Amino acid sequence: MNEFNENQSRGTSLVSLIVWVSVCLLSASWGPLIPESLRHGWAYYGLFGLAAGLGLSAMERSRTAIAERQERKESQVRLEHHLSKLGSCTRRVDSKNRLAS
C-alpha cells in the first residue's frame, strides 16, 4: 500500500508539472516577446497540455476511488467470512452444551 501512495504522489506532481508548463506556454503565446509564427504552436501545445493534465488528474482520482472501493469490498468479504466462521463455532459449542446438560 505504501508503494501505491508513493506512485500516486509522484503522479500528482507530474500532472502539476504538466499543467504549470502548459499555463506558461499559453501565457507566453499571448505575450509580445514571442514571434507571431510561434504563438499558435505554443498556444496549441499549452491547451493540449492543460487538457492532458485535467484528464490525468481525473484518471488518478478515479483510480484512487476504485482502489478504495475494492479495498472496502475485500474487507467486507473478509469480515463476513470470519463472522460466519464465528457463528458456526458458536452453534457447535451451543449444541455441545445442550447435549452435556
Protein backbone atom coordinates (compact mmCIF):
# COMPACT_ATOMS: atom_id res chain seq x y z
CA MET A 1 0.00 0.00 0.00
CA ASN A 2 2.89 2.35 0.71
CA GLU A 3 4.25 1.87 -2.82
CA PHE A 4 0.85 2.87 -4.24
CA ASN A 5 0.86 6.11 -2.22
CA GLU A 6 4.39 6.93 -3.40
CA ASN A 7 3.41 6.37 -7.03
CA GLN A 8 0.29 8.45 -6.52
CA SER A 9 2.25 11.40 -5.14
CA ARG A 10 4.78 11.16 -7.98
CA GLY A 11 1.93 11.05 -10.50
CA THR A 12 0.28 14.06 -8.94
CA SER A 13 3.48 16.07 -9.11
CA LEU A 14 3.91 15.08 -12.76
CA VAL A 15 0.38 16.26 -13.50
CA SER A 16 1.10 19.53 -11.70
CA LEU A 17 4.25 19.98 -13.74
CA ILE A 18 2.37 19.35 -16.98
CA VAL A 19 -0.29 21.88 -16.03
CA TRP A 20 2.23 24.54 -14.98
CA VAL A 21 4.27 24.19 -18.16
CA SER A 22 1.07 24.36 -20.18
CA VAL A 23 -0.01 27.54 -18.43
CA CYS A 24 3.43 29.02 -19.10
CA LEU A 25 3.17 28.13 -22.78
CA LEU A 26 -0.28 29.68 -23.01
CA SER A 27 0.69 32.89 -21.26
CA ALA A 28 3.89 33.17 -23.33
CA SER A 29 1.88 32.73 -26.52
CA TRP A 30 -0.19 35.81 -25.64
CA GLY A 31 2.89 37.90 -24.89
CA PRO A 32 4.58 40.29 -27.29
CA LEU A 33 8.04 38.68 -26.97
CA ILE A 34 7.17 35.52 -28.91
CA PRO A 35 7.22 35.81 -32.72
CA GLU A 36 3.83 35.54 -34.41
CA SER A 37 4.91 32.36 -36.21
CA LEU A 38 5.40 30.53 -32.86
CA ARG A 39 2.37 31.84 -30.97
CA HIS A 40 -0.18 29.46 -32.45
CA GLY A 41 2.01 26.42 -31.81
CA TRP A 42 2.72 27.43 -28.23
CA ALA A 43 -0.96 28.11 -27.60
CA TYR A 44 -1.89 24.76 -29.14
CA TYR A 45 0.61 22.84 -27.02
CA GLY A 46 -0.42 24.79 -23.94
CA LEU A 47 -4.08 23.90 -24.44
CA PHE A 48 -3.17 20.31 -25.21
CA GLY A 49 -1.13 20.11 -22.00
CA LEU A 50 -3.95 21.57 -19.93
CA ALA A 51 -6.39 19.05 -21.37
CA ALA A 52 -3.91 16.24 -20.72
CA GLY A 53 -3.36 17.45 -17.16
CA LEU A 54 -7.09 17.51 -16.48
CA GLY A 55 -7.51 14.05 -17.97
CA LEU A 56 -4.63 12.60 -15.98
CA SER A 57 -5.94 14.21 -12.80
CA ALA A 58 -9.42 12.76 -13.35
CA MET A 59 -7.94 9.36 -14.12
CA GLU A 60 -5.86 9.42 -10.94
CA ARG A 61 -8.88 10.36 -8.83
CA SER A 62 -10.97 7.59 -10.37
CA ARG A 63 -8.18 5.03 -9.85
CA THR A 64 -7.94 6.03 -6.21
CA ALA A 65 -11.71 5.80 -5.78
CA ILE A 66 -11.79 2.37 -7.45
CA ALA A 67 -8.93 1.10 -5.27
CA GLU A 68 -10.65 2.36 -2.11
CA ARG A 69 -13.94 0.78 -3.16
CA GLN A 70 -12.18 -2.53 -3.89
CA GLU A 71 -10.40 -2.43 -0.53
CA ARG A 72 -13.70 -1.82 1.30
CA LYS A 73 -15.32 -4.65 -0.62
CA GLU A 74 -12.49 -7.07 0.24
CA SER A 75 -12.65 -6.04 3.90
CA GLN A 76 -16.39 -6.63 3.92
CA VAL A 77 -15.95 -10.11 2.40
CA ARG A 78 -13.27 -10.99 4.98
CA LEU A 79 -15.45 -9.71 7.81
CA GLU A 80 -18.46 -11.70 6.62
CA HIS A 81 -16.30 -14.84 6.26
CA HIS A 82 -14.92 -14.50 9.79
CA LEU A 83 -18.37 -13.77 11.21
CA SER A 84 -19.80 -16.86 9.54
CA LYS A 85 -16.96 -18.98 10.97
CA LEU A 86 -17.60 -17.48 14.40
CA GLY A 87 -21.33 -18.20 14.05
CA SER A 88 -20.72 -21.84 13.13
CA CYS A 89 -18.31 -22.28 16.06
CA THR A 90 -20.86 -20.72 18.41
CA ARG A 91 -23.59 -23.05 17.15
CA ARG A 92 -21.32 -26.09 17.69
CA VAL A 93 -20.49 -25.00 21.24
CA ASP A 94 -24.18 -24.37 21.97
CA SER A 95 -25.18 -27.79 20.65
CA LYS A 96 -22.44 -29.48 22.72
CA ASN A 97 -23.62 -27.60 25.82
CA ARG A 98 -27.20 -28.70 25.23
CA LEU A 99 -26.10 -32.33 24.86
CA ALA A 100 -23.98 -32.14 28.03
CA SER A 101 -26.83 -30.78 30.15
